[in-house]
Amino acid sequence: MDAPVPIFRAHGLTKTYRSGTVEVQALRGVDFQAAAGEFIVILGPSGSGKSTFLNIIGGLDQATSGEAWFMDHELTRLSDAGLTRYRRDHVGFVFQFYNLVPSLTALENVRLVTEIARRPMSPREALAMVGLEDRVDHFPAELSGGEQQRVAIARAISKNPEVLLCDEPTGALDSATGVRVLEALMRVNEAIGATTLVITHNAAIKDLAHRVVRFANGGISGVEENTTRKSPAEVSW
């Protein structure tokens, strides 16, 4: 029996930014794979290339060279229109800042995505999955920072994505609030089976992962497998 095709594959991925005569190599030949349903934590200092890598496999940026694949689709050969379709149909994004529409309720913020998604879940179901079923009619200004981030997670998962990409999702939150957000991410990963990649500076979060990938100087400097994952409540913050 053939092994399943990984959700993501990257081979020799590079990214060079140019400003006049100055070149900055953000990625230097990255090789990477992720399996369906994995929860992967990506660690590394600022400037190590982790956000650039996430942007390329998320279809937000183009590589300078190398290959990046989502299942049997070569992302590095897609046009801008093809990358837009890929992001719309397959990827949910969660960033450090929530980017909610202030004049819309939690339910309406999530509905913005479900109205254009290919196979959405109901907005109420997505909000219930992150523990906000009783806050659906509240506006962002009426929600705490952690609640706003959970609305952002609900919005990202409401399209039923195969992939959930999170860049510092707890970076603007205190540790207690961050725990609730991470619990929501783990619950979603298990419930819908989305391959989840979480960039963080907080090394404690590595204990939640199936696998930890460390970036340094534009490349992957190490990979660790967790034989026993912890819940956010068990992690020493």
C-alpha atoms as a PDB file:
ATOM      1  CA  MET A   1       0.000   0.000   0.000  1.00  0.00           C
ATOM      2  CA  ASP A   2       1.396   3.397  -1.027  1.00  0.00           C
ATOM      3  CA  ALA A   3       2.118   5.946   1.703  1.00  0.00           C
ATOM      4  CA  PRO A   4      -0.275   8.919   1.713  1.00  0.00           C
ATOM      5  CA  VAL A   5       0.895  12.060  -0.077  1.00  0.00           C
ATOM      6  CA  PRO A   6       1.968  14.690   2.498  1.00  0.00           C
ATOM      7  CA  ILE A   7      -0.198  17.786   2.762  1.00  0.00           C
ATOM      8  CA  PHE A   8       2.918  19.961   2.298  1.00  0.00           C
ATOM      9  CA  ARG A   9       6.270  19.299   0.655  1.00  0.00           C
ATOM     10  CA  ALA A  10       9.052  21.821   0.163  1.00  0.00           C
ATOM     11  CA  HIS A  11      12.378  21.160  -1.554  1.00  0.00           C
ATOM     12  CA  GLY A  12      15.258  23.631  -1.712  1.00  0.00           C
ATOM     13  CA  LEU A  13      12.969  26.573  -0.976  1.00  0.00           C
ATOM     14  CA  THR A  14      14.715  29.958  -1.124  1.00  0.00           C
ATOM     15  CA  LYS A  15      13.546  33.542  -0.822  1.00  0.00           C
ATOM     16  CA  THR A  16      15.713  36.588  -1.548  1.00  0.00           C
ATOM     17  CA  TYR A  17      14.522  40.125  -0.980  1.00  0.00           C
ATOM     18  CA  ARG A  18      16.264  42.862  -2.989  1.00  0.00           C
ATOM     19  CA  SER A  19      16.374  46.595  -2.259  1.00  0.00           C
ATOM     20  CA  GLY A  20      18.669  48.358  -4.727  1.00  0.00           C
ATOM     21  CA  THR A  21      22.018  46.613  -4.493  1.00  0.00           C
ATOM     22  CA  VAL A  22      21.215  45.022  -1.126  1.00  0.00           C
ATOM     23  CA  GLU A  23      20.093  41.395  -1.003  1.00  0.00           C
ATOM     24  CA  VAL A  24      18.658  39.643   2.035  1.00  0.00           C
ATOM     25  CA  GLN A  25      18.328  35.851   1.964  1.00  0.00           C
ATOM     26  CA  ALA A  26      15.264  35.097   4.074  1.00  0.00           C
ATOM     27  CA  LEU A  27      15.188  31.376   3.194  1.00  0.00           C
ATOM     28  CA  ARG A  28      18.186  29.252   2.257  1.00  0.00           C
ATOM     29  CA  GLY A  29      17.193  25.907   0.775  1.00  0.00           C
ATOM     30  CA  VAL A  30      14.406  24.725   3.092  1.00  0.00           C
ATOM     31  CA  ASP A  31      13.210  21.103   2.884  1.00  0.00           C
ATOM     32  CA  PHE A  32       9.987  20.324   4.743  1.00  0.00           C
ATOM     33  CA  GLN A  33       7.050  17.913   4.916  1.00  0.00           C
ATOM     34  CA  ALA A  34       3.801  17.925   6.903  1.00  0.00           C
ATOM     35  CA  ALA A  35       1.277  15.122   7.180  1.00  0.00           C
ATOM     36  CA  ALA A  36      -2.492  15.469   7.263  1.00  0.00           C
ATOM     37  CA  GLY A  37      -3.753  16.395  10.733  1.00  0.00           C
ATOM     38  CA  GLU A  38      -0.354  17.264  12.218  1.00  0.00           C
ATOM     39  CA  PHE A  39      -0.042  20.037  14.808  1.00  0.00           C
ATOM     40  CA  ILE A  40       3.385  21.576  14.200  1.00  0.00           C
ATOM     41  CA  VAL A  41       4.996  24.337  16.249  1.00  0.00           C
ATOM     42  CA  ILE A  42       7.611  26.466  14.474  1.00  0.00           C
ATOM     43  CA  LEU A  43      10.174  28.149  16.723  1.00  0.00           C
ATOM     44  CA  GLY A  44      12.960  30.578  15.931  1.00  0.00           C
ATOM     45  CA  PRO A  45      14.213  34.106  16.576  1.00  0.00           C
ATOM     46  CA  SER A  46      13.058  37.138  14.615  1.00  0.00           C
ATOM     47  CA  GLY A  47      14.586  37.114  11.145  1.00  0.00           C
ATOM     48  CA  SER A  48      15.095  33.347  11.077  1.00  0.00           C
ATOM     49  CA  GLY A  49      12.751  32.879   8.098  1.00  0.00           C
ATOM     50  CA  LYS A  50       9.773  31.248   9.768  1.00  0.00           C
ATOM     51  CA  SER A  51       7.174  33.855   8.742  1.00  0.00           C
ATOM     52  CA  THR A  52       8.547  33.988   5.190  1.00  0.00           C
ATOM     53  CA  PHE A  53       8.224  30.217   5.001  1.00  0.00           C
ATOM     54  CA  LEU A  54       4.637  30.311   6.298  1.00  0.00           C
ATOM     55  CA  ASN A  55       3.733  33.031   3.788  1.00  0.00           C
ATOM     56  CA  ILE A  56       5.050  30.964   0.882  1.00  0.00           C
ATOM     57  CA  ILE A  57       3.270  27.727   1.766  1.00  0.00           C
ATOM     58  CA  GLY A  58       0.163  29.788   2.552  1.00  0.00           C
ATOM     59  CA  GLY A  59       0.203  31.322  -0.925  1.00  0.00           C
ATOM     60  CA  LEU A  60       0.787  34.883   0.326  1.00  0.00           C
ATOM     61  CA  ASP A  61       4.269  35.168  -1.217  1.00  0.00           C
ATOM     62  CA  GLN A  62       6.310  33.610  -4.025  1.00  0.00           C
ATOM     63  CA  ALA A  63       9.572  31.733  -3.541  1.00  0.00           C
ATOM     64  CA  THR A  64      12.710  32.827  -5.380  1.00  0.00           C
ATOM     65  CA  SER A  65      13.620  29.216  -6.177  1.00  0.00           C
ATOM     66  CA  GLY A  66      12.832  25.663  -5.123  1.00  0.00           C
ATOM     67  CA  GLU A  67       9.501  23.875  -4.958  1.00  0.00           C
ATOM     68  CA  ALA A  68       6.535  24.040  -2.588  1.00  0.00           C
ATOM     69  CA  TRP A  69       3.609  21.633  -2.970  1.00  0.00           C
ATOM     70  CA  PHE A  70       0.163  21.422  -1.417  1.00  0.00           C
ATOM     71  CA  MET A  71      -0.862  17.801  -1.993  1.00  0.00           C
ATOM     72  CA  ASP A  72      -0.511  17.414  -5.778  1.00  0.00           C
ATOM     73  CA  HIS A  73      -0.568  21.161  -6.540  1.00  0.00           C
ATOM     74  CA  GLU A  74       2.794  22.879  -7.078  1.00  0.00           C
ATOM     75  CA  LEU A  75       2.355  26.238  -5.363  1.00  0.00           C
ATOM     76  CA  THR A  76       5.572  27.605  -6.821  1.00  0.00           C
ATOM     77  CA  ARG A  77       4.112  27.342 -10.330  1.00  0.00           C
ATOM     78  CA  LEU A  78       0.730  28.915  -9.622  1.00  0.00           C
ATOM     79  CA  SER A  79      -0.249  32.321 -10.985  1.00  0.00           C
ATOM     80  CA  ASP A  80      -1.495  35.076  -8.676  1.00  0.00           C
ATOM     81  CA  ALA A  81      -5.060  34.027  -9.514  1.00  0.00           C
ATOM     82  CA  GLY A  82      -4.197  30.389  -8.757  1.00  0.00           C
ATOM     83  CA  LEU A  83      -2.707  31.346  -5.383  1.00  0.00           C
ATOM     84  CA  THR A  84      -5.844  33.354  -4.578  1.00  0.00           C
ATOM     85  CA  ARG A  85      -8.010  30.296  -5.270  1.00  0.00           C
ATOM     86  CA  TYR A  86      -5.690  28.133  -3.191  1.00  0.00           C
ATOM     87  CA  ARG A  87      -5.937  30.504  -0.197  1.00  0.00           C
ATOM     88  CA  ARG A  88      -9.701  30.829  -0.544  1.00  0.00           C
ATOM     89  CA  ASP A  89     -10.428  27.123  -0.891  1.00  0.00           C
ATOM     90  CA  HIS A  90      -7.835  25.391   1.293  1.00  0.00           C
ATOM     91  CA  VAL A  91      -6.141  27.654   3.875  1.00  0.00           C
ATOM     92  CA  GLY A  92      -7.260  29.336   7.088  1.00  0.00           C
ATOM     93  CA  PHE A  93      -5.029  32.081   8.499  1.00  0.00           C
ATOM     94  CA  VAL A  94      -4.730  33.318  12.092  1.00  0.00           C
ATOM     95  CA  PHE A  95      -2.418  36.240  12.809  1.00  0.00           C
ATOM     96  CA  GLN A  96      -1.238  38.059  15.923  1.00  0.00           C
ATOM     97  CA  PHE A  97      -3.736  40.860  15.277  1.00  0.00           C
ATOM     98  CA  TYR A  98      -7.341  39.867  14.884  1.00  0.00           C
ATOM     99  CA  ASN A  99      -8.383  42.012  11.863  1.00  0.00           C
ATOM    100  CA  LEU A 100     -12.063  41.839  12.764  1.00  0.00           C
ATOM    101  CA  VAL A 101     -14.523  44.288  11.210  1.00  0.00           C
ATOM    102  CA  PRO A 102     -15.514  46.536  14.167  1.00  0.00           C
ATOM    103  CA  SER A 103     -19.012  47.271  12.867  1.00  0.00           C
ATOM    104  CA  LEU A 104     -19.930  43.581  12.549  1.00  0.00           C
ATOM    105  CA  THR A 105     -20.848  41.103  15.288  1.00  0.00           C
ATOM    106  CA  ALA A 106     -18.829  37.962  15.918  1.00  0.00           C
ATOM    107  CA  LEU A 107     -21.354  35.989  13.868  1.00  0.00           C
ATOM    108  CA  GLU A 108     -21.227  38.483  10.991  1.00  0.00           C
ATOM    109  CA  ASN A 109     -17.413  38.512  10.988  1.00  0.00           C
ATOM    110  CA  VAL A 110     -17.394  34.752  10.534  1.00  0.00           C
ATOM    111  CA  ARG A 111     -20.192  34.866   7.964  1.00  0.00           C
ATOM    112  CA  LEU A 112     -17.988  37.047   5.732  1.00  0.00           C
ATOM    113  CA  VAL A 113     -15.905  33.944   5.011  1.00  0.00           C
ATOM    114  CA  THR A 114     -18.671  31.354   4.832  1.00  0.00           C
ATOM    115  CA  GLU A 115     -20.444  33.329   2.105  1.00  0.00           C
ATOM    116  CA  ILE A 116     -17.512  32.830  -0.305  1.00  0.00           C
ATOM    117  CA  ALA A 117     -16.176  29.451   0.879  1.00  0.00           C
ATOM    118  CA  ARG A 118     -16.459  26.283  -1.179  1.00  0.00           C
ATOM    119  CA  ARG A 119     -17.741  23.981   1.592  1.00  0.00           C
ATOM    120  CA  PRO A 120     -18.298  26.055   4.739  1.00  0.00           C
ATOM    121  CA  MET A 121     -19.595  25.034   8.119  1.00  0.00           C
ATOM    122  CA  SER A 122     -22.236  27.260   9.685  1.00  0.00           C
ATOM    123  CA  PRO A 123     -20.864  30.397  11.405  1.00  0.00           C
ATOM    124  CA  ARG A 124     -22.576  29.369  14.658  1.00  0.00           C
ATOM    125  CA  GLU A 125     -20.916  25.946  14.524  1.00  0.00           C
ATOM    126  CA  ALA A 126     -17.498  27.544  14.028  1.00  0.00           C
ATOM    127  CA  LEU A 127     -18.020  29.900  16.965  1.00  0.00           C
ATOM    128  CA  ALA A 128     -19.259  27.047  19.160  1.00  0.00           C
ATOM    129  CA  MET A 129     -16.119  25.085  18.321  1.00  0.00           C
ATOM    130  CA  VAL A 130     -13.998  27.832  19.929  1.00  0.00           C
ATOM    131  CA  GLY A 131     -16.330  28.222  22.919  1.00  0.00           C
ATOM    132  CA  LEU A 132     -18.113  31.419  21.875  1.00  0.00           C
ATOM    133  CA  GLU A 133     -21.642  30.180  21.268  1.00  0.00           C
ATOM    134  CA  ASP A 134     -22.927  32.695  23.840  1.00  0.00           C
ATOM    135  CA  ARG A 135     -21.059  35.669  22.290  1.00  0.00           C
ATOM    136  CA  VAL A 136     -22.284  35.489  18.686  1.00  0.00           C
ATOM    137  CA  ASP A 137     -24.132  38.827  18.788  1.00  0.00           C
ATOM    138  CA  HIS A 138     -21.329  40.800  20.439  1.00  0.00           C
ATOM    139  CA  PHE A 139     -19.238  43.346  18.557  1.00  0.00           C
ATOM    140  CA  PRO A 140     -15.396  43.208  18.737  1.00  0.00           C
ATOM    141  CA  ALA A 141     -15.308  46.168  21.163  1.00  0.00           C
ATOM    142  CA  GLU A 142     -17.483  44.129  23.542  1.00  0.00           C
ATOM    143  CA  LEU A 143     -15.084  41.158  23.505  1.00  0.00           C
ATOM    144  CA  SER A 144     -11.797  40.589  25.317  1.00  0.00           C
ATOM    145  CA  GLY A 145      -8.573  40.163  23.345  1.00  0.00           C
ATOM    146  CA  GLY A 146      -8.710  36.400  23.746  1.00  0.00           C
ATOM    147  CA  GLU A 147     -12.338  36.289  22.632  1.00  0.00           C
ATOM    148  CA  GLN A 148     -11.515  38.390  19.572  1.00  0.00           C
ATOM    149  CA  GLN A 149      -8.708  35.996  18.686  1.00  0.00           C
ATOM    150  CA  ARG A 150     -11.091  33.064  19.041  1.00  0.00           C
ATOM    151  CA  VAL A 151     -13.502  34.815  16.670  1.00  0.00           C
ATOM    152  CA  ALA A 152     -10.561  35.109  14.254  1.00  0.00           C
ATOM    153  CA  ILE A 153      -9.943  31.357  14.640  1.00  0.00           C
ATOM    154  CA  ALA A 154     -13.639  30.634  14.053  1.00  0.00           C
ATOM    155  CA  ARG A 155     -13.502  32.772  10.926  1.00  0.00           C
ATOM    156  CA  ALA A 156     -10.436  30.877   9.690  1.00  0.00           C
ATOM    157  CA  ILE A 157     -11.934  27.419  10.284  1.00  0.00           C
ATOM    158  CA  SER A 158     -15.429  28.213   9.025  1.00  0.00           C
ATOM    159  CA  LYS A 159     -14.367  27.418   5.453  1.00  0.00           C
ATOM    160  CA  ASN A 160     -13.386  23.877   6.585  1.00  0.00           C
ATOM    161  CA  PRO A 161      -9.758  24.323   5.495  1.00  0.00           C
ATOM    162  CA  GLU A 162      -7.324  21.467   5.056  1.00  0.00           C
ATOM    163  CA  VAL A 163      -4.638  23.750   6.502  1.00  0.00           C
ATOM    164  CA  LEU A 164      -4.592  26.234   9.394  1.00  0.00           C
ATOM    165  CA  LEU A 165      -1.590  28.589   9.469  1.00  0.00           C
ATOM    166  CA  CYS A 166      -1.060  30.662  12.627  1.00  0.00           C
ATOM    167  CA  ASP A 167       1.594  33.386  12.988  1.00  0.00           C
ATOM    168  CA  GLU A 168       2.083  34.347  16.663  1.00  0.00           C
ATOM    169  CA  PRO A 169      -1.611  33.797  17.527  1.00  0.00           C
ATOM    170  CA  THR A 170      -0.978  34.435  21.250  1.00  0.00           C
ATOM    171  CA  GLY A 171       1.636  37.183  20.820  1.00  0.00           C
ATOM    172  CA  ALA A 172      -0.694  39.996  21.910  1.00  0.00           C
ATOM    173  CA  LEU A 173      -2.244  38.077  24.816  1.00  0.00           C
ATOM    174  CA  ASP A 174      -1.361  37.396  28.434  1.00  0.00           C
ATOM    175  CA  SER A 175      -0.484  33.809  29.302  1.00  0.00           C
ATOM    176  CA  ALA A 176      -3.855  32.865  30.812  1.00  0.00           C
ATOM    177  CA  THR A 177      -5.743  34.176  27.773  1.00  0.00           C
ATOM    178  CA  GLY A 178      -3.209  32.564  25.446  1.00  0.00           C
ATOM    179  CA  VAL A 179      -3.967  29.188  27.033  1.00  0.00           C
ATOM    180  CA  ARG A 180      -7.632  29.476  26.019  1.00  0.00           C
ATOM    181  CA  VAL A 181      -6.664  30.412  22.464  1.00  0.00           C
ATOM    182  CA  LEU A 182      -4.281  27.447  22.221  1.00  0.00           C
ATOM    183  CA  GLU A 183      -6.956  25.139  23.624  1.00  0.00           C
ATOM    184  CA  ALA A 184      -9.235  26.368  20.830  1.00  0.00           C
ATOM    185  CA  LEU A 185      -6.566  25.673  18.202  1.00  0.00           C
ATOM    186  CA  MET A 186      -5.951  22.152  19.507  1.00  0.00           C
ATOM    187  CA  ARG A 187      -9.689  21.458  19.651  1.00  0.00           C
ATOM    188  CA  VAL A 188     -10.074  22.592  16.049  1.00  0.00           C
ATOM    189  CA  ASN A 189      -7.069  20.549  14.910  1.00  0.00           C
ATOM    190  CA  GLU A 190      -8.619  17.419  16.404  1.00  0.00           C
ATOM    191  CA  ALA A 191     -12.214  18.176  15.345  1.00  0.00           C
ATOM    192  CA  ILE A 192     -11.738  19.029  11.672  1.00  0.00           C
ATOM    193  CA  GLY A 193      -8.349  17.409  11.085  1.00  0.00           C
ATOM    194  CA  ALA A 194      -6.736  20.537   9.652  1.00  0.00           C
ATOM    195  CA  THR A 195      -2.963  20.373   9.438  1.00  0.00           C
ATOM    196  CA  THR A 196      -1.990  23.177  11.827  1.00  0.00           C
ATOM    197  CA  LEU A 197       1.268  25.145  11.817  1.00  0.00           C
ATOM    198  CA  VAL A 198       1.830  27.611  14.651  1.00  0.00           C
ATOM    199  CA  ILE A 199       4.687  30.116  14.636  1.00  0.00           C
ATOM    200  CA  THR A 200       5.640  31.340  18.092  1.00  0.00           C
ATOM    201  CA  HIS A 201       8.474  32.857  20.125  1.00  0.00           C
ATOM    202  CA  ASN A 202       7.135  31.073  23.228  1.00  0.00           C
ATOM    203  CA  ALA A 203       9.156  27.873  23.605  1.00  0.00           C
ATOM    204  CA  ALA A 204       6.630  26.470  26.129  1.00  0.00           C
ATOM    205  CA  ILE A 205       4.125  25.999  23.289  1.00  0.00           C
ATOM    206  CA  LYS A 206       6.361  23.288  21.774  1.00  0.00           C
ATOM    207  CA  ASP A 207       4.977  20.782  24.293  1.00  0.00           C
ATOM    208  CA  LEU A 208       1.565  20.976  22.587  1.00  0.00           C
ATOM    209  CA  ALA A 209       2.853  19.855  19.194  1.00  0.00           C
ATOM    210  CA  HIS A 210       3.153  16.558  17.401  1.00  0.00           C
ATOM    211  CA  ARG A 211       6.361  17.968  15.955  1.00  0.00           C
ATOM    212  CA  VAL A 212       8.584  20.997  16.611  1.00  0.00           C
ATOM    213  CA  VAL A 213      10.480  22.630  13.738  1.00  0.00           C
ATOM    214  CA  ARG A 214      13.228  25.121  14.613  1.00  0.00           C
ATOM    215  CA  PHE A 215      14.335  27.844  12.202  1.00  0.00           C
ATOM    216  CA  ALA A 216      17.651  29.717  12.277  1.00  0.00           C
ATOM    217  CA  ASN A 217      19.423  31.818   9.651  1.00  0.00           C
ATOM    218  CA  GLY A 218      16.869  31.117   6.938  1.00  0.00           C
ATOM    219  CA  GLY A 219      16.817  27.354   7.308  1.00  0.00           C
ATOM    220  CA  ILE A 220      15.536  24.516   9.461  1.00  0.00           C
ATOM    221  CA  SER A 221      18.068  23.904  12.210  1.00  0.00           C
ATOM    222  CA  GLY A 222      16.295  21.020  13.937  1.00  0.00           C
ATOM    223  CA  VAL A 223      13.151  18.898  14.138  1.00  0.00           C
ATOM    224  CA  GLU A 224      11.824  17.199  17.285  1.00  0.00           C
ATOM    225  CA  GLU A 225       8.958  14.723  17.670  1.00  0.00           C
ATOM    226  CA  ASN A 226       6.805  14.791  20.791  1.00  0.00           C
ATOM    227  CA  THR A 227       5.978  11.284  21.940  1.00  0.00           C
ATOM    228  CA  THR A 228       3.644  12.660  24.628  1.00  0.00           C
ATOM    229  CA  ARG A 229       1.786  15.885  23.920  1.00  0.00           C
ATOM    230  CA  LYS A 230       0.572  18.086  26.749  1.00  0.00           C
ATOM    231  CA  SER A 231      -2.600  20.128  26.988  1.00  0.00           C
ATOM    232  CA  PRO A 232      -2.221  23.926  27.411  1.00  0.00           C
ATOM    233  CA  ALA A 233      -3.288  23.579  31.060  1.00  0.00           C
ATOM    234  CA  GLU A 234      -0.344  21.208  31.712  1.00  0.00           C
ATOM    235  CA  VAL A 235       2.319  23.500  30.250  1.00  0.00           C
ATOM    236  CA  SER A 236       4.425  25.603  32.579  1.00  0.00           C
ATOM    237  CA  TRP A 237       4.091  29.188  31.309  1.00  0.00           C
END
